[in-house]
């Protein structure tokens, strides 16, 4: 091989090595960007979970306040009235009847107080799962409002991600709160469908509905959309004046 051939091989080898180094640098930069983007998304999700946990706790306190005032307080007042009647009663049958009724009321109050302690536990969703937390929330809403609320679960329940479940639960709370405040609904249905790699949440009411486009920038809807984006989930809200509202969240649980 003459000098020109050696020179050609040297130049070709140098070019190939330079190209390899160039693409290696590009690959490493792309991987670094992906890692940074993943780290930022993870940090944002962790912050959202913390913020959501505080909001869930605040909602639990509001629920407790409503329950104490509207339910437990009124029943304890009834027991107090019974006690006054018992003290003044001369008929033993009246005393016996009111005493028994007072005992029954106090039994119910104790049960509700125990349930309240569960709701106030900030880790209730994490410890008991999304389905149990939603059912507990629905139970209290049913007691403290005139709305007929029902929870349906289809498929085999599984924990898809504790932080994600907390965010979904907060979205359920926000939807319920919007229904109570604005919808004038008499019926609210919450459906949770568990599939192999997909979780589907549907919340529907028979309220007055609204123009989705006109309130698309409302704080409540924006919060839910931001949370859906954080979960990389698809959120659809369908409503028309006079036709109620339907919210659908589709979440890939294997991501």
C-alpha atoms as a PDB file:
ATOM      1  CA  UNK A   1       0.000   0.000   0.000  1.00  0.00           C
ATOM      2  CA  UNK A   2       1.489   3.356  -1.050  1.00  0.00           C
ATOM      3  CA  UNK A   3       1.501   6.559   0.954  1.00  0.00           C
ATOM      4  CA  UNK A   4      -1.729   7.850  -0.624  1.00  0.00           C
ATOM      5  CA  UNK A   5      -3.622   4.717   0.479  1.00  0.00           C
ATOM      6  CA  UNK A   6      -2.378   5.023   4.026  1.00  0.00           C
ATOM      7  CA  UNK A   7      -3.334   8.695   4.067  1.00  0.00           C
ATOM      8  CA  UNK A   8      -6.818   7.871   2.759  1.00  0.00           C
ATOM      9  CA  UNK A   9      -7.362   5.242   5.417  1.00  0.00           C
ATOM     10  CA  UNK A  10      -6.144   7.624   8.094  1.00  0.00           C
ATOM     11  CA  UNK A  11      -8.490  10.392   6.949  1.00  0.00           C
ATOM     12  CA  UNK A  12     -11.427   7.985   6.616  1.00  0.00           C
ATOM     13  CA  UNK A  13     -10.764   6.533  10.065  1.00  0.00           C
ATOM     14  CA  UNK A  14     -10.512   9.990  11.553  1.00  0.00           C
ATOM     15  CA  UNK A  15     -13.796  11.034   9.953  1.00  0.00           C
ATOM     16  CA  UNK A  16     -15.556   7.900  11.163  1.00  0.00           C
ATOM     17  CA  UNK A  17     -14.188   8.392  14.671  1.00  0.00           C
ATOM     18  CA  UNK A  18     -15.268  12.044  14.614  1.00  0.00           C
ATOM     19  CA  UNK A  19     -18.754  11.094  13.449  1.00  0.00           C
ATOM     20  CA  UNK A  20     -18.971   8.460  16.171  1.00  0.00           C
ATOM     21  CA  UNK A  21     -17.854  10.976  18.794  1.00  0.00           C
ATOM     22  CA  UNK A  22     -20.331  13.554  17.431  1.00  0.00           C
ATOM     23  CA  UNK A  23     -23.297  11.180  17.574  1.00  0.00           C
ATOM     24  CA  UNK A  24     -22.193   9.927  20.993  1.00  0.00           C
ATOM     25  CA  UNK A  25     -22.191  13.490  22.322  1.00  0.00           C
ATOM     26  CA  UNK A  26     -25.637  14.114  20.795  1.00  0.00           C
ATOM     27  CA  UNK A  27     -26.965  10.876  22.291  1.00  0.00           C
ATOM     28  CA  UNK A  28     -25.610  11.735  25.733  1.00  0.00           C
ATOM     29  CA  UNK A  29     -27.113  15.224  25.530  1.00  0.00           C
ATOM     30  CA  UNK A  30     -30.522  13.813  24.546  1.00  0.00           C
ATOM     31  CA  UNK A  31     -30.367  11.297  27.398  1.00  0.00           C
ATOM     32  CA  UNK A  32     -29.391  14.040  29.816  1.00  0.00           C
ATOM     33  CA  UNK A  33     -32.322  16.183  28.681  1.00  0.00           C
ATOM     34  CA  UNK A  34     -34.658  13.205  29.127  1.00  0.00           C
ATOM     35  CA  UNK A  35     -33.300  12.581  32.615  1.00  0.00           C
ATOM     36  CA  UNK A  36     -33.658  16.256  33.535  1.00  0.00           C
ATOM     37  CA  UNK A  37     -37.198  16.353  32.150  1.00  0.00           C
ATOM     38  CA  UNK A  38     -38.080  13.182  34.063  1.00  0.00           C
ATOM     39  CA  UNK A  39     -36.555  14.620  37.251  1.00  0.00           C
ATOM     40  CA  UNK A  40     -38.497  17.879  36.861  1.00  0.00           C
ATOM     41  CA  UNK A  41     -41.748  16.018  36.182  1.00  0.00           C
ATOM     42  CA  UNK A  42     -41.127  13.794  39.200  1.00  0.00           C
ATOM     43  CA  UNK A  43     -40.450  16.800  41.433  1.00  0.00           C
ATOM     44  CA  UNK A  44     -43.599  18.537  40.169  1.00  0.00           C
ATOM     45  CA  UNK A  45     -45.651  15.403  40.830  1.00  0.00           C
ATOM     46  CA  UNK A  46     -44.225  15.095  44.357  1.00  0.00           C
ATOM     47  CA  UNK A  47     -45.080  18.754  45.038  1.00  0.00           C
ATOM     48  CA  UNK A  48     -48.578  18.210  43.668  1.00  0.00           C
ATOM     49  CA  UNK A  49     -49.059  15.163  45.910  1.00  0.00           C
ATOM     50  CA  UNK A  50     -48.013  17.221  48.949  1.00  0.00           C
ATOM     51  CA  UNK A  51     -50.305  20.108  47.978  1.00  0.00           C
ATOM     52  CA  UNK A  52     -53.166  17.712  47.286  1.00  0.00           C
ATOM     53  CA  UNK A  53     -52.657  16.061  50.668  1.00  0.00           C
ATOM     54  CA  UNK A  54     -53.065  19.433  52.373  1.00  0.00           C
ATOM     55  CA  UNK A  55     -56.221  20.142  50.360  1.00  0.00           C
ATOM     56  CA  UNK A  56     -57.662  16.735  51.259  1.00  0.00           C
ATOM     57  CA  UNK A  57     -56.989  17.440  54.928  1.00  0.00           C
ATOM     58  CA  UNK A  58     -58.673  20.862  54.631  1.00  0.00           C
ATOM     59  CA  UNK A  59     -61.691  19.261  52.958  1.00  0.00           C
ATOM     60  CA  UNK A  60     -61.818  16.681  55.753  1.00  0.00           C
ATOM     61  CA  UNK A  61     -61.933  19.475  58.332  1.00  0.00           C
ATOM     62  CA  UNK A  62     -64.791  21.135  56.444  1.00  0.00           C
ATOM     63  CA  UNK A  63     -66.612  17.798  56.323  1.00  0.00           C
ATOM     64  CA  UNK A  64     -66.107  17.326  60.053  1.00  0.00           C
ATOM     65  CA  UNK A  65     -67.448  20.806  60.763  1.00  0.00           C
ATOM     66  CA  UNK A  66     -70.546  20.171  58.659  1.00  0.00           C
ATOM     67  CA  UNK A  67     -71.092  16.757  60.225  1.00  0.00           C
ATOM     68  CA  UNK A  68     -70.695  18.067  63.781  1.00  0.00           C
ATOM     69  CA  UNK A  69     -73.134  20.909  63.165  1.00  0.00           C
ATOM     70  CA  UNK A  70     -75.766  19.233  61.005  1.00  0.00           C
ATOM     71  CA  UNK A  71     -75.749  15.677  62.266  1.00  0.00           C
ATOM     72  CA  UNK A  72     -74.018  14.948  65.544  1.00  0.00           C
ATOM     73  CA  UNK A  73     -74.922  18.299  67.101  1.00  0.00           C
ATOM     74  CA  UNK A  74     -78.623  18.005  66.294  1.00  0.00           C
ATOM     75  CA  UNK A  75     -78.823  14.461  67.660  1.00  0.00           C
ATOM     76  CA  UNK A  76     -77.061  15.396  70.883  1.00  0.00           C
ATOM     77  CA  UNK A  77     -79.546  18.241  71.262  1.00  0.00           C
ATOM     78  CA  UNK A  78     -82.337  15.689  70.863  1.00  0.00           C
ATOM     79  CA  UNK A  79     -80.831  13.567  73.631  1.00  0.00           C
ATOM     80  CA  UNK A  80     -80.623  16.655  75.842  1.00  0.00           C
ATOM     81  CA  UNK A  81     -84.328  17.345  75.263  1.00  0.00           C
ATOM     82  CA  UNK A  82     -85.132  13.731  76.115  1.00  0.00           C
ATOM     83  CA  UNK A  83     -83.180  14.077  79.359  1.00  0.00           C
ATOM     84  CA  UNK A  84     -85.278  17.101  80.389  1.00  0.00           C
ATOM     85  CA  UNK A  85     -88.480  15.174  79.665  1.00  0.00           C
ATOM     86  CA  UNK A  86     -87.198  12.132  81.559  1.00  0.00           C
ATOM     87  CA  UNK A  87     -86.344  14.245  84.599  1.00  0.00           C
ATOM     88  CA  UNK A  88     -89.852  15.685  84.676  1.00  0.00           C
ATOM     89  CA  UNK A  89     -91.708  12.521  83.671  1.00  0.00           C
ATOM     90  CA  UNK A  90     -93.757  10.544  86.170  1.00  0.00           C
ATOM     91  CA  UNK A  91     -94.770   7.816  83.721  1.00  0.00           C
ATOM     92  CA  UNK A  92     -92.266   4.939  83.865  1.00  0.00           C
ATOM     93  CA  UNK A  93     -93.122   3.849  80.322  1.00  0.00           C
ATOM     94  CA  UNK A  94     -92.249   7.299  79.003  1.00  0.00           C
ATOM     95  CA  UNK A  95     -88.954   7.240  80.891  1.00  0.00           C
ATOM     96  CA  UNK A  96     -88.148   3.763  79.585  1.00  0.00           C
ATOM     97  CA  UNK A  97     -89.029   4.662  75.998  1.00  0.00           C
ATOM     98  CA  UNK A  98     -87.047   7.919  75.934  1.00  0.00           C
ATOM     99  CA  UNK A  99     -84.081   6.279  77.657  1.00  0.00           C
ATOM    100  CA  UNK A 100     -83.978   3.570  75.005  1.00  0.00           C
ATOM    101  CA  UNK A 101     -84.271   6.130  72.208  1.00  0.00           C
ATOM    102  CA  UNK A 102     -81.486   8.215  73.769  1.00  0.00           C
ATOM    103  CA  UNK A 103     -79.240   5.153  73.922  1.00  0.00           C
ATOM    104  CA  UNK A 104     -79.877   4.395  70.261  1.00  0.00           C
ATOM    105  CA  UNK A 105     -79.060   7.977  69.276  1.00  0.00           C
ATOM    106  CA  UNK A 106     -75.854   7.940  71.320  1.00  0.00           C
ATOM    107  CA  UNK A 107     -74.832   4.653  69.676  1.00  0.00           C
ATOM    108  CA  UNK A 108     -75.220   6.303  66.276  1.00  0.00           C
ATOM    109  CA  UNK A 109     -73.294   9.366  67.421  1.00  0.00           C
ATOM    110  CA  UNK A 110     -70.403   7.168  68.605  1.00  0.00           C
ATOM    111  CA  UNK A 111     -70.328   5.376  65.241  1.00  0.00           C
ATOM    112  CA  UNK A 112     -70.321   8.679  63.345  1.00  0.00           C
ATOM    113  CA  UNK A 113     -67.582  10.072  65.591  1.00  0.00           C
ATOM    114  CA  UNK A 114     -65.501   6.978  64.813  1.00  0.00           C
ATOM    115  CA  UNK A 115     -66.099   7.502  61.103  1.00  0.00           C
ATOM    116  CA  UNK A 116     -65.081  11.128  61.447  1.00  0.00           C
ATOM    117  CA  UNK A 117     -61.773  10.068  62.947  1.00  0.00           C
ATOM    118  CA  UNK A 118     -61.174   8.024  59.791  1.00  0.00           C
ATOM    119  CA  UNK A 119     -61.965  10.963  57.531  1.00  0.00           C
ATOM    120  CA  UNK A 120     -59.653  13.260  59.497  1.00  0.00           C
ATOM    121  CA  UNK A 121     -56.771  10.841  59.069  1.00  0.00           C
ATOM    122  CA  UNK A 122     -54.689  12.563  56.376  1.00  0.00           C
ATOM    123  CA  UNK A 123     -53.360   9.157  55.275  1.00  0.00           C
ATOM    124  CA  UNK A 124     -56.815   7.598  54.877  1.00  0.00           C
ATOM    125  CA  UNK A 125     -56.557   7.405  51.096  1.00  0.00           C
ATOM    126  CA  UNK A 126     -53.035   6.005  51.275  1.00  0.00           C
ATOM    127  CA  UNK A 127     -53.936   3.432  53.936  1.00  0.00           C
ATOM    128  CA  UNK A 128     -57.370   2.322  52.717  1.00  0.00           C
ATOM    129  CA  UNK A 129     -57.219   2.974  48.984  1.00  0.00           C
ATOM    130  CA  UNK A 130     -59.159   5.118  46.555  1.00  0.00           C
ATOM    131  CA  UNK A 131     -62.414   3.134  46.513  1.00  0.00           C
ATOM    132  CA  UNK A 132     -62.866   3.104  50.293  1.00  0.00           C
ATOM    133  CA  UNK A 133     -62.010   6.809  50.526  1.00  0.00           C
ATOM    134  CA  UNK A 134     -64.518   7.740  47.799  1.00  0.00           C
ATOM    135  CA  UNK A 135     -67.233   5.637  49.445  1.00  0.00           C
ATOM    136  CA  UNK A 136     -66.547   7.300  52.791  1.00  0.00           C
ATOM    137  CA  UNK A 137     -66.714  10.745  51.209  1.00  0.00           C
ATOM    138  CA  UNK A 138     -69.960   9.872  49.424  1.00  0.00           C
ATOM    139  CA  UNK A 139     -71.463   8.616  52.681  1.00  0.00           C
ATOM    140  CA  UNK A 140     -70.889  11.931  54.414  1.00  0.00           C
ATOM    141  CA  UNK A 141     -72.158  13.923  51.440  1.00  0.00           C
ATOM    142  CA  UNK A 142     -75.308  11.799  51.401  1.00  0.00           C
ATOM    143  CA  UNK A 143     -75.919  12.547  55.068  1.00  0.00           C
ATOM    144  CA  UNK A 144     -75.345  16.280  54.913  1.00  0.00           C
ATOM    145  CA  UNK A 145     -77.089  17.159  51.625  1.00  0.00           C
ATOM    146  CA  UNK A 146     -80.284  16.259  49.781  1.00  0.00           C
ATOM    147  CA  UNK A 147     -78.307  14.737  46.895  1.00  0.00           C
ATOM    148  CA  UNK A 148     -78.818  11.051  46.139  1.00  0.00           C
ATOM    149  CA  UNK A 149     -75.203   9.944  45.718  1.00  0.00           C
ATOM    150  CA  UNK A 150     -74.139   6.485  44.578  1.00  0.00           C
ATOM    151  CA  UNK A 151     -70.729   4.857  44.033  1.00  0.00           C
ATOM    152  CA  UNK A 152     -70.259   2.020  41.528  1.00  0.00           C
ATOM    153  CA  UNK A 153     -67.049  -0.020  41.220  1.00  0.00           C
ATOM    154  CA  UNK A 154     -66.440  -2.386  38.308  1.00  0.00           C
ATOM    155  CA  UNK A 155     -63.487  -4.707  37.826  1.00  0.00           C
ATOM    156  CA  UNK A 156     -60.971  -5.925  40.383  1.00  0.00           C
ATOM    157  CA  UNK A 157     -59.665  -3.073  42.506  1.00  0.00           C
ATOM    158  CA  UNK A 158     -55.900  -2.563  42.676  1.00  0.00           C
ATOM    159  CA  UNK A 159     -53.625   0.205  43.961  1.00  0.00           C
ATOM    160  CA  UNK A 160     -52.126   1.800  40.857  1.00  0.00           C
ATOM    161  CA  UNK A 161     -50.024   4.452  42.620  1.00  0.00           C
ATOM    162  CA  UNK A 162     -50.525   5.948  46.065  1.00  0.00           C
ATOM    163  CA  UNK A 163     -49.721   9.501  44.996  1.00  0.00           C
ATOM    164  CA  UNK A 164     -51.845   9.200  41.865  1.00  0.00           C
ATOM    165  CA  UNK A 165     -54.767   7.824  43.889  1.00  0.00           C
ATOM    166  CA  UNK A 166     -54.558  10.822  46.219  1.00  0.00           C
ATOM    167  CA  UNK A 167     -54.720  13.232  43.275  1.00  0.00           C
ATOM    168  CA  UNK A 168     -57.658  11.349  41.732  1.00  0.00           C
ATOM    169  CA  UNK A 169     -59.452  11.426  45.087  1.00  0.00           C
ATOM    170  CA  UNK A 170     -58.987  15.196  45.280  1.00  0.00           C
ATOM    171  CA  UNK A 171     -60.440  15.516  41.779  1.00  0.00           C
ATOM    172  CA  UNK A 172     -63.465  13.537  42.972  1.00  0.00           C
ATOM    173  CA  UNK A 173     -63.812  15.919  45.920  1.00  0.00           C
ATOM    174  CA  UNK A 174     -63.583  18.948  43.620  1.00  0.00           C
ATOM    175  CA  UNK A 175     -66.229  17.536  41.313  1.00  0.00           C
ATOM    176  CA  UNK A 176     -68.564  16.784  44.231  1.00  0.00           C
ATOM    177  CA  UNK A 177     -67.988  20.266  45.636  1.00  0.00           C
ATOM    178  CA  UNK A 178     -68.842  21.873  42.285  1.00  0.00           C
ATOM    179  CA  UNK A 179     -72.020  19.782  42.081  1.00  0.00           C
ATOM    180  CA  UNK A 180     -73.111  20.866  45.563  1.00  0.00           C
ATOM    181  CA  UNK A 181     -72.331  24.552  44.979  1.00  0.00           C
ATOM    182  CA  UNK A 182     -73.567  25.117  41.450  1.00  0.00           C
ATOM    183  CA  UNK A 183     -75.409  22.188  39.878  1.00  0.00           C
ATOM    184  CA  UNK A 184     -78.652  22.152  41.897  1.00  0.00           C
ATOM    185  CA  UNK A 185     -78.561  18.400  41.324  1.00  0.00           C
ATOM    186  CA  UNK A 186     -80.668  15.755  43.004  1.00  0.00           C
ATOM    187  CA  UNK A 187     -78.575  12.809  41.793  1.00  0.00           C
ATOM    188  CA  UNK A 188     -74.827  12.192  41.608  1.00  0.00           C
ATOM    189  CA  UNK A 189     -73.224   8.998  40.307  1.00  0.00           C
ATOM    190  CA  UNK A 190     -69.548   8.075  40.703  1.00  0.00           C
ATOM    191  CA  UNK A 191     -68.303   5.103  38.666  1.00  0.00           C
ATOM    192  CA  UNK A 192     -64.816   3.618  38.905  1.00  0.00           C
ATOM    193  CA  UNK A 193     -63.800   1.004  36.342  1.00  0.00           C
ATOM    194  CA  UNK A 194     -60.629  -1.039  36.864  1.00  0.00           C
ATOM    195  CA  UNK A 195     -59.109  -2.678  33.806  1.00  0.00           C
ATOM    196  CA  UNK A 196     -55.741  -4.394  33.344  1.00  0.00           C
ATOM    197  CA  UNK A 197     -53.826  -1.207  32.557  1.00  0.00           C
ATOM    198  CA  UNK A 198     -56.495   1.497  32.613  1.00  0.00           C
ATOM    199  CA  UNK A 199     -58.505   3.249  35.323  1.00  0.00           C
ATOM    200  CA  UNK A 200     -61.693   4.988  34.238  1.00  0.00           C
ATOM    201  CA  UNK A 201     -63.512   7.469  36.481  1.00  0.00           C
ATOM    202  CA  UNK A 202     -66.952   8.792  35.542  1.00  0.00           C
ATOM    203  CA  UNK A 203     -68.920  11.359  37.561  1.00  0.00           C
ATOM    204  CA  UNK A 204     -72.368  12.403  36.370  1.00  0.00           C
ATOM    205  CA  UNK A 205     -75.135  14.539  37.811  1.00  0.00           C
ATOM    206  CA  UNK A 206     -78.636  15.626  36.778  1.00  0.00           C
ATOM    207  CA  UNK A 207     -78.071  19.281  37.594  1.00  0.00           C
ATOM    208  CA  UNK A 208     -78.631  22.442  35.592  1.00  0.00           C
ATOM    209  CA  UNK A 209     -75.409  22.010  33.627  1.00  0.00           C
ATOM    210  CA  UNK A 210     -73.299  24.817  32.172  1.00  0.00           C
ATOM    211  CA  UNK A 211     -71.564  26.019  29.034  1.00  0.00           C
ATOM    212  CA  UNK A 212     -68.146  24.362  29.236  1.00  0.00           C
ATOM    213  CA  UNK A 213     -66.566  26.907  26.873  1.00  0.00           C
ATOM    214  CA  UNK A 214     -67.748  29.900  28.880  1.00  0.00           C
ATOM    215  CA  UNK A 215     -66.253  28.647  32.159  1.00  0.00           C
ATOM    216  CA  UNK A 216     -63.260  26.748  30.770  1.00  0.00           C
ATOM    217  CA  UNK A 217     -60.930  29.053  32.682  1.00  0.00           C
ATOM    218  CA  UNK A 218     -62.697  28.639  36.006  1.00  0.00           C
ATOM    219  CA  UNK A 219     -60.390  27.794  38.892  1.00  0.00           C
ATOM    220  CA  UNK A 220     -62.061  24.469  39.636  1.00  0.00           C
ATOM    221  CA  UNK A 221     -61.877  23.204  36.050  1.00  0.00           C
ATOM    222  CA  UNK A 222     -58.332  24.503  35.594  1.00  0.00           C
ATOM    223  CA  UNK A 223     -57.211  22.684  38.737  1.00  0.00           C
ATOM    224  CA  UNK A 224     -58.718  19.419  37.530  1.00  0.00           C
ATOM    225  CA  UNK A 225     -57.216  19.794  34.054  1.00  0.00           C
ATOM    226  CA  UNK A 226     -53.791  20.562  35.521  1.00  0.00           C
ATOM    227  CA  UNK A 227     -54.014  17.508  37.738  1.00  0.00           C
ATOM    228  CA  UNK A 228     -55.050  15.344  34.813  1.00  0.00           C
ATOM    229  CA  UNK A 229     -52.038  16.629  32.864  1.00  0.00           C
ATOM    230  CA  UNK A 230     -49.827  15.866  35.859  1.00  0.00           C
ATOM    231  CA  UNK A 231     -51.108  12.272  35.782  1.00  0.00           C
ATOM    232  CA  UNK A 232     -50.773  12.162  31.982  1.00  0.00           C
ATOM    233  CA  UNK A 233     -54.454  11.259  31.953  1.00  0.00           C
ATOM    234  CA  UNK A 234     -57.242  12.258  29.607  1.00  0.00           C
ATOM    235  CA  UNK A 235     -59.977  14.423  31.139  1.00  0.00           C
ATOM    236  CA  UNK A 236     -63.254  15.082  29.350  1.00  0.00           C
ATOM    237  CA  UNK A 237     -66.005  17.321  30.766  1.00  0.00           C
ATOM    238  CA  UNK A 238     -69.295  17.355  28.900  1.00  0.00           C
ATOM    239  CA  UNK A 239     -72.138  19.646  29.922  1.00  0.00           C
ATOM    240  CA  UNK A 240     -74.913  21.760  28.508  1.00  0.00           C
ATOM    241  CA  UNK A 241     -77.344  24.119  30.229  1.00  0.00           C
ATOM    242  CA  UNK A 242     -80.250  22.048  31.484  1.00  0.00           C
ATOM    243  CA  UNK A 243     -78.633  18.700  30.702  1.00  0.00           C
ATOM    244  CA  UNK A 244     -76.414  17.962  33.674  1.00  0.00           C
ATOM    245  CA  UNK A 245     -72.669  17.331  33.684  1.00  0.00           C
ATOM    246  CA  UNK A 246     -70.491  14.302  32.933  1.00  0.00           C
ATOM    247  CA  UNK A 247     -66.806  14.091  33.834  1.00  0.00           C
ATOM    248  CA  UNK A 248     -64.619  11.274  32.503  1.00  0.00           C
ATOM    249  CA  UNK A 249     -61.006  10.639  33.521  1.00  0.00           C
ATOM    250  CA  UNK A 250     -58.982   7.953  31.747  1.00  0.00           C
ATOM    251  CA  UNK A 251     -55.665   7.036  33.341  1.00  0.00           C
ATOM    252  CA  UNK A 252     -53.031   4.597  32.115  1.00  0.00           C
ATOM    253  CA  UNK A 253     -52.025   2.834  35.338  1.00  0.00           C
ATOM    254  CA  UNK A 254     -48.919   1.170  33.835  1.00  0.00           C
ATOM    255  CA  UNK A 255     -47.057   4.339  32.894  1.00  0.00           C
END
